[in-house]
Amino acid sequence: MSRGKVKLAFIENANARQAALTKKAAVISKMAAQLEILCGVSILYAFYNINDVEPTEAFPSLKAVKDFMSYVMNMPIIERTQKATTQDVYLYEMITKISVKLQHLKEKNNRSEGLELLRKVFEGNIDFNQIEQQTLYCTNQVVVEKIGEINKHQSQNMSNPLNHNDGASDDARFQVPDPTPDGPSNNNGASPSRRG
């Protein structure tokens, strides 16, 4: 038969309250002893009633708790609080982390929107009159980023002479045939005659 839930309310009867405290404290003591063995930690606690000078329950002993409290209170204030953090500091750190994460997400979203607009432009599936200013800004950011990547790549190629083909210039490798009639060949493929 399962036990019902314990009603979380102050126990009015003093004897029942003391019995509940003793019973629960025994359970907590057993769990604390297990944690000390399993995790290699030291656990101390004391249960105080509001009007009592001495604790009603202590683990592992009242002397151990008092010795530890004396040790902590005799530490220099800087050493005692060096790892402590206030709620303000904690909230400030959390807000800073979340703000940085939000900024990264905004940049990622802007890049995605810019790439999507460029894709639609290249496919011809866009009405330029319906483009919002924010979307144009996102696209501009993508274009600026890509231009930066291209410039960086070109400067790396210029600083590394091994990337060039035996001193041949880029202009020589990408020459376009001359389309004019006075160019190197005429319509029937024969070389033009020279007039003298």
C-alpha atoms as a PDB file:
ATOM      1  CA  MET A   1       0.000   0.000   0.000  1.00  0.00           C
ATOM      2  CA  SER A   2       1.544   3.325  -1.100  1.00  0.00           C
ATOM      3  CA  ARG A   3       1.914   6.223   1.261  1.00  0.00           C
ATOM      4  CA  GLY A   4      -0.015   9.384   0.527  1.00  0.00           C
ATOM      5  CA  LYS A   5       1.602  12.750  -0.140  1.00  0.00           C
ATOM      6  CA  VAL A   6       2.752  14.701   2.891  1.00  0.00           C
ATOM      7  CA  LYS A   7       0.698  17.823   3.395  1.00  0.00           C
ATOM      8  CA  LEU A   8       3.111  20.768   3.272  1.00  0.00           C
ATOM      9  CA  ALA A   9       1.790  22.842   6.130  1.00  0.00           C
ATOM     10  CA  PHE A  10       3.078  23.774   9.572  1.00  0.00           C
ATOM     11  CA  ILE A  11       2.391  21.001  12.110  1.00  0.00           C
ATOM     12  CA  GLU A  12       0.520  22.634  14.974  1.00  0.00           C
ATOM     13  CA  ASN A  13       0.995  19.847  17.523  1.00  0.00           C
ATOM     14  CA  ALA A  14       4.429  20.204  19.190  1.00  0.00           C
ATOM     15  CA  ASN A  15       4.923  16.467  19.804  1.00  0.00           C
ATOM     16  CA  ALA A  16       3.944  15.549  16.240  1.00  0.00           C
ATOM     17  CA  ARG A  17       6.198  18.306  14.916  1.00  0.00           C
ATOM     18  CA  GLN A  18       9.211  17.018  16.898  1.00  0.00           C
ATOM     19  CA  ALA A  19       8.518  13.446  15.786  1.00  0.00           C
ATOM     20  CA  ALA A  20       8.367  14.538  12.126  1.00  0.00           C
ATOM     21  CA  LEU A  21      11.633  16.465  12.504  1.00  0.00           C
ATOM     22  CA  THR A  22      13.418  13.515  14.090  1.00  0.00           C
ATOM     23  CA  LYS A  23      12.126  11.118  11.444  1.00  0.00           C
ATOM     24  CA  LYS A  24      13.023  13.356   8.478  1.00  0.00           C
ATOM     25  CA  ALA A  25      16.401  14.256   9.987  1.00  0.00           C
ATOM     26  CA  ALA A  26      17.273  10.556  10.212  1.00  0.00           C
ATOM     27  CA  VAL A  27      16.477  10.157   6.492  1.00  0.00           C
ATOM     28  CA  ILE A  28      18.553  13.237   5.581  1.00  0.00           C
ATOM     29  CA  SER A  29      21.459  12.008   7.748  1.00  0.00           C
ATOM     30  CA  LYS A  30      21.437   8.670   5.959  1.00  0.00           C
ATOM     31  CA  MET A  31      21.450  10.391   2.533  1.00  0.00           C
ATOM     32  CA  ALA A  32      24.244  12.759   3.631  1.00  0.00           C
ATOM     33  CA  ALA A  33      26.395   9.822   4.773  1.00  0.00           C
ATOM     34  CA  GLN A  34      25.839   8.108   1.408  1.00  0.00           C
ATOM     35  CA  LEU A  35      26.765  11.283  -0.502  1.00  0.00           C
ATOM     36  CA  GLU A  36      29.994  11.645   1.495  1.00  0.00           C
ATOM     37  CA  ILE A  37      31.021   8.126   0.454  1.00  0.00           C
ATOM     38  CA  LEU A  38      29.796   8.304  -3.162  1.00  0.00           C
ATOM     39  CA  CYS A  39      31.056  11.785  -4.027  1.00  0.00           C
ATOM     40  CA  GLY A  40      33.947  12.319  -1.608  1.00  0.00           C
ATOM     41  CA  VAL A  41      32.486  15.498  -0.100  1.00  0.00           C
ATOM     42  CA  SER A  42      32.079  16.730   3.446  1.00  0.00           C
ATOM     43  CA  ILE A  43      28.531  17.498   4.562  1.00  0.00           C
ATOM     44  CA  LEU A  44      27.540  19.382   7.689  1.00  0.00           C
ATOM     45  CA  TYR A  45      24.158  20.710   8.696  1.00  0.00           C
ATOM     46  CA  ALA A  46      22.240  21.854  11.735  1.00  0.00           C
ATOM     47  CA  PHE A  47      18.514  22.302  12.321  1.00  0.00           C
ATOM     48  CA  TYR A  48      17.639  25.239  14.568  1.00  0.00           C
ATOM     49  CA  ASN A  49      14.309  26.152  16.078  1.00  0.00           C
ATOM     50  CA  ILE A  50      13.649  29.876  16.191  1.00  0.00           C
ATOM     51  CA  ASN A  51      13.672  30.177  19.975  1.00  0.00           C
ATOM     52  CA  ASP A  52      16.460  27.639  20.725  1.00  0.00           C
ATOM     53  CA  VAL A  53      20.122  28.451  21.233  1.00  0.00           C
ATOM     54  CA  GLU A  54      21.358  24.961  20.428  1.00  0.00           C
ATOM     55  CA  PRO A  55      20.326  23.068  17.250  1.00  0.00           C
ATOM     56  CA  THR A  56      17.789  20.281  17.588  1.00  0.00           C
ATOM     57  CA  GLU A  57      19.605  18.104  15.026  1.00  0.00           C
ATOM     58  CA  ALA A  58      23.166  18.236  13.677  1.00  0.00           C
ATOM     59  CA  PHE A  59      25.198  16.116  11.249  1.00  0.00           C
ATOM     60  CA  PRO A  60      27.714  14.533  11.673  1.00  0.00           C
ATOM     61  CA  SER A  61      27.900  16.043  15.156  1.00  0.00           C
ATOM     62  CA  LEU A  62      27.242  19.349  16.881  1.00  0.00           C
ATOM     63  CA  LYS A  63      30.997  19.744  17.580  1.00  0.00           C
ATOM     64  CA  ALA A  64      31.877  19.276  13.900  1.00  0.00           C
ATOM     65  CA  VAL A  65      29.331  21.914  12.855  1.00  0.00           C
ATOM     66  CA  LYS A  66      30.597  24.415  15.460  1.00  0.00           C
ATOM     67  CA  ASP A  67      34.232  23.806  14.518  1.00  0.00           C
ATOM     68  CA  PHE A  68      33.495  24.426  10.842  1.00  0.00           C
ATOM     69  CA  MET A  69      31.510  27.588  11.567  1.00  0.00           C
ATOM     70  CA  SER A  70      34.397  28.918  13.698  1.00  0.00           C
ATOM     71  CA  TYR A  71      36.823  28.126  10.857  1.00  0.00           C
ATOM     72  CA  VAL A  72      34.693  30.006   8.307  1.00  0.00           C
ATOM     73  CA  MET A  73      34.125  33.025  10.556  1.00  0.00           C
ATOM     74  CA  ASN A  74      37.870  33.319  11.291  1.00  0.00           C
ATOM     75  CA  MET A  75      38.775  33.401   7.565  1.00  0.00           C
ATOM     76  CA  PRO A  76      39.697  36.808   6.072  1.00  0.00           C
ATOM     77  CA  ILE A  77      36.637  38.460   4.516  1.00  0.00           C
ATOM     78  CA  ILE A  78      38.249  38.541   1.038  1.00  0.00           C
ATOM     79  CA  GLU A  79      39.073  34.847   1.110  1.00  0.00           C
ATOM     80  CA  ARG A  80      35.628  34.013   2.466  1.00  0.00           C
ATOM     81  CA  THR A  81      33.775  35.867  -0.293  1.00  0.00           C
ATOM     82  CA  GLN A  82      36.106  35.466  -3.290  1.00  0.00           C
ATOM     83  CA  LYS A  83      33.948  32.777  -4.913  1.00  0.00           C
ATOM     84  CA  ALA A  84      30.665  34.279  -3.822  1.00  0.00           C
ATOM     85  CA  THR A  85      28.556  36.130  -6.365  1.00  0.00           C
ATOM     86  CA  THR A  86      25.717  38.538  -5.800  1.00  0.00           C
ATOM     87  CA  GLN A  87      22.441  38.314  -7.607  1.00  0.00           C
ATOM     88  CA  ASP A  88      23.258  41.526  -9.502  1.00  0.00           C
ATOM     89  CA  VAL A  89      26.572  40.133 -10.782  1.00  0.00           C
ATOM     90  CA  TYR A  90      24.916  36.841 -11.740  1.00  0.00           C
ATOM     91  CA  LEU A  91      22.111  38.605 -13.624  1.00  0.00           C
ATOM     92  CA  TYR A  92      24.596  40.911 -15.376  1.00  0.00           C
ATOM     93  CA  GLU A  93      26.665  37.912 -16.530  1.00  0.00           C
ATOM     94  CA  MET A  94      23.552  36.098 -17.746  1.00  0.00           C
ATOM     95  CA  ILE A  95      22.294  39.184 -19.623  1.00  0.00           C
ATOM     96  CA  THR A  96      25.718  39.618 -21.257  1.00  0.00           C
ATOM     97  CA  LYS A  97      25.825  35.979 -22.400  1.00  0.00           C
ATOM     98  CA  ILE A  98      22.260  36.126 -23.737  1.00  0.00           C
ATOM     99  CA  SER A  99      22.979  39.443 -25.527  1.00  0.00           C
ATOM    100  CA  VAL A 100      26.016  37.959 -27.284  1.00  0.00           C
ATOM    101  CA  LYS A 101      23.988  34.895 -28.289  1.00  0.00           C
ATOM    102  CA  LEU A 102      21.163  37.135 -29.571  1.00  0.00           C
ATOM    103  CA  GLN A 103      23.636  39.169 -31.643  1.00  0.00           C
ATOM    104  CA  HIS A 104      25.025  35.981 -33.240  1.00  0.00           C
ATOM    105  CA  LEU A 105      21.473  34.817 -34.040  1.00  0.00           C
ATOM    106  CA  LYS A 106      20.620  38.211 -35.587  1.00  0.00           C
ATOM    107  CA  GLU A 107      23.723  38.071 -37.784  1.00  0.00           C
ATOM    108  CA  LYS A 108      22.901  34.509 -38.846  1.00  0.00           C
ATOM    109  CA  ASN A 109      19.295  35.504 -39.615  1.00  0.00           C
ATOM    110  CA  ASN A 110      20.413  38.573 -41.616  1.00  0.00           C
ATOM    111  CA  ARG A 111      22.781  36.400 -43.637  1.00  0.00           C
ATOM    112  CA  SER A 112      20.026  33.867 -44.368  1.00  0.00           C
ATOM    113  CA  GLU A 113      17.588  36.602 -45.453  1.00  0.00           C
ATOM    114  CA  GLY A 114      20.243  38.201 -47.657  1.00  0.00           C
ATOM    115  CA  LEU A 115      21.118  34.894 -49.324  1.00  0.00           C
ATOM    116  CA  GLU A 116      17.417  34.153 -49.889  1.00  0.00           C
ATOM    117  CA  LEU A 117      16.904  37.534 -51.588  1.00  0.00           C
ATOM    118  CA  LEU A 118      19.955  37.007 -53.806  1.00  0.00           C
ATOM    119  CA  ARG A 119      18.650  33.561 -54.787  1.00  0.00           C
ATOM    120  CA  LYS A 120      15.285  35.068 -55.782  1.00  0.00           C
ATOM    121  CA  VAL A 121      17.043  37.825 -57.755  1.00  0.00           C
ATOM    122  CA  PHE A 122      19.108  35.308 -59.726  1.00  0.00           C
ATOM    123  CA  GLU A 123      16.017  33.182 -60.390  1.00  0.00           C
ATOM    124  CA  GLY A 124      14.024  36.262 -61.456  1.00  0.00           C
ATOM    125  CA  ASN A 125      11.276  35.565 -58.901  1.00  0.00           C
ATOM    126  CA  ILE A 126      11.197  38.919 -57.141  1.00  0.00           C
ATOM    127  CA  ASP A 127       9.414  42.221 -57.423  1.00  0.00           C
ATOM    128  CA  PHE A 128      11.870  44.949 -56.450  1.00  0.00           C
ATOM    129  CA  ASN A 129       9.022  47.266 -55.427  1.00  0.00           C
ATOM    130  CA  GLN A 130       8.064  44.909 -52.603  1.00  0.00           C
ATOM    131  CA  ILE A 131      11.525  44.551 -51.037  1.00  0.00           C
ATOM    132  CA  GLU A 132      11.698  45.899 -47.494  1.00  0.00           C
ATOM    133  CA  GLN A 133      14.584  48.080 -46.343  1.00  0.00           C
ATOM    134  CA  GLN A 134      15.656  45.490 -43.736  1.00  0.00           C
ATOM    135  CA  THR A 135      15.892  42.805 -46.438  1.00  0.00           C
ATOM    136  CA  LEU A 136      18.054  45.095 -48.586  1.00  0.00           C
ATOM    137  CA  TYR A 137      20.264  45.726 -45.555  1.00  0.00           C
ATOM    138  CA  CYS A 138      20.647  41.958 -45.031  1.00  0.00           C
ATOM    139  CA  THR A 139      21.541  41.476 -48.699  1.00  0.00           C
ATOM    140  CA  ASN A 140      24.050  44.312 -48.530  1.00  0.00           C
ATOM    141  CA  GLN A 141      25.676  42.650 -45.508  1.00  0.00           C
ATOM    142  CA  VAL A 142      26.027  39.371 -47.446  1.00  0.00           C
ATOM    143  CA  VAL A 143      27.499  41.148 -50.474  1.00  0.00           C
ATOM    144  CA  VAL A 144      29.970  43.093 -48.312  1.00  0.00           C
ATOM    145  CA  GLU A 145      30.970  39.866 -46.554  1.00  0.00           C
ATOM    146  CA  LYS A 146      31.507  38.051 -49.873  1.00  0.00           C
ATOM    147  CA  ILE A 147      33.533  40.953 -51.284  1.00  0.00           C
ATOM    148  CA  GLY A 148      35.697  40.850 -48.156  1.00  0.00           C
ATOM    149  CA  GLU A 149      36.259  37.118 -48.657  1.00  0.00           C
ATOM    150  CA  ILE A 150      37.192  37.672 -52.321  1.00  0.00           C
ATOM    151  CA  ASN A 151      39.611  40.499 -51.457  1.00  0.00           C
ATOM    152  CA  LYS A 152      41.205  38.373 -48.754  1.00  0.00           C
ATOM    153  CA  HIS A 153      41.576  35.458 -51.178  1.00  0.00           C
ATOM    154  CA  GLN A 154      43.100  37.739 -53.857  1.00  0.00           C
ATOM    155  CA  SER A 155      45.569  39.276 -51.402  1.00  0.00           C
ATOM    156  CA  GLN A 156      46.648  35.795 -50.307  1.00  0.00           C
ATOM    157  CA  ASN A 157      47.175  34.785 -53.946  1.00  0.00           C
ATOM    158  CA  MET A 158      49.179  37.949 -54.639  1.00  0.00           C
ATOM    159  CA  SER A 159      51.428  37.350 -51.636  1.00  0.00           C
ATOM    160  CA  ASN A 160      52.025  33.722 -52.667  1.00  0.00           C
ATOM    161  CA  PRO A 161      53.870  33.663 -56.052  1.00  0.00           C
ATOM    162  CA  LEU A 162      53.539  29.871 -56.327  1.00  0.00           C
ATOM    163  CA  ASN A 163      49.887  30.279 -57.286  1.00  0.00           C
ATOM    164  CA  HIS A 164      50.764  31.969 -60.608  1.00  0.00           C
ATOM    165  CA  ASN A 165      51.472  29.919 -63.763  1.00  0.00           C
ATOM    166  CA  ASP A 166      55.143  30.517 -64.701  1.00  0.00           C
ATOM    167  CA  GLY A 167      54.856  34.285 -64.588  1.00  0.00           C
ATOM    168  CA  ALA A 168      51.882  34.442 -66.981  1.00  0.00           C
ATOM    169  CA  SER A 169      49.656  37.360 -66.137  1.00  0.00           C
ATOM    170  CA  ASP A 170      45.960  37.041 -65.413  1.00  0.00           C
ATOM    171  CA  ASP A 171      45.227  39.204 -68.471  1.00  0.00           C
ATOM    172  CA  ALA A 172      47.026  36.735 -70.746  1.00  0.00           C
ATOM    173  CA  ARG A 173      45.078  33.797 -69.426  1.00  0.00           C
ATOM    174  CA  PHE A 174      41.672  35.480 -69.798  1.00  0.00           C
ATOM    175  CA  GLN A 175      41.991  37.187 -73.223  1.00  0.00           C
ATOM    176  CA  VAL A 176      38.813  37.654 -75.234  1.00  0.00           C
ATOM    177  CA  PRO A 177      38.962  37.280 -79.039  1.00  0.00           C
ATOM    178  CA  ASP A 178      38.742  40.548 -80.973  1.00  0.00           C
ATOM    179  CA  PRO A 179      35.281  40.692 -82.635  1.00  0.00           C
ATOM    180  CA  THR A 180      36.129  43.552 -85.069  1.00  0.00           C
ATOM    181  CA  PRO A 181      36.332  42.884 -88.830  1.00  0.00           C
ATOM    182  CA  ASP A 182      39.941  44.119 -88.927  1.00  0.00           C
ATOM    183  CA  GLY A 183      40.910  41.503 -86.325  1.00  0.00           C
ATOM    184  CA  PRO A 184      43.193  38.509 -86.831  1.00  0.00           C
ATOM    185  CA  SER A 185      40.751  36.597 -89.101  1.00  0.00           C
ATOM    186  CA  ASN A 186      37.891  37.391 -91.476  1.00  0.00           C
ATOM    187  CA  ASN A 187      34.635  35.544 -92.106  1.00  0.00           C
ATOM    188  CA  ASN A 188      36.051  32.731 -94.293  1.00  0.00           C
ATOM    189  CA  GLY A 189      38.999  32.038 -92.033  1.00  0.00           C
ATOM    190  CA  ALA A 190      41.727  33.367 -94.385  1.00  0.00           C
ATOM    191  CA  SER A 191      44.186  35.909 -93.084  1.00  0.00           C
ATOM    192  CA  PRO A 192      43.566  39.424 -94.294  1.00  0.00           C
ATOM    193  CA  SER A 193      45.649  40.745 -97.177  1.00  0.00           C
ATOM    194  CA  ARG A 194      47.966  43.667 -96.644  1.00  0.00           C
ATOM    195  CA  ARG A 195      47.685  46.666 -98.851  1.00  0.00           C
ATOM    196  CA  GLY A 196      50.832  48.272 -99.637  1.00  0.00           C
END
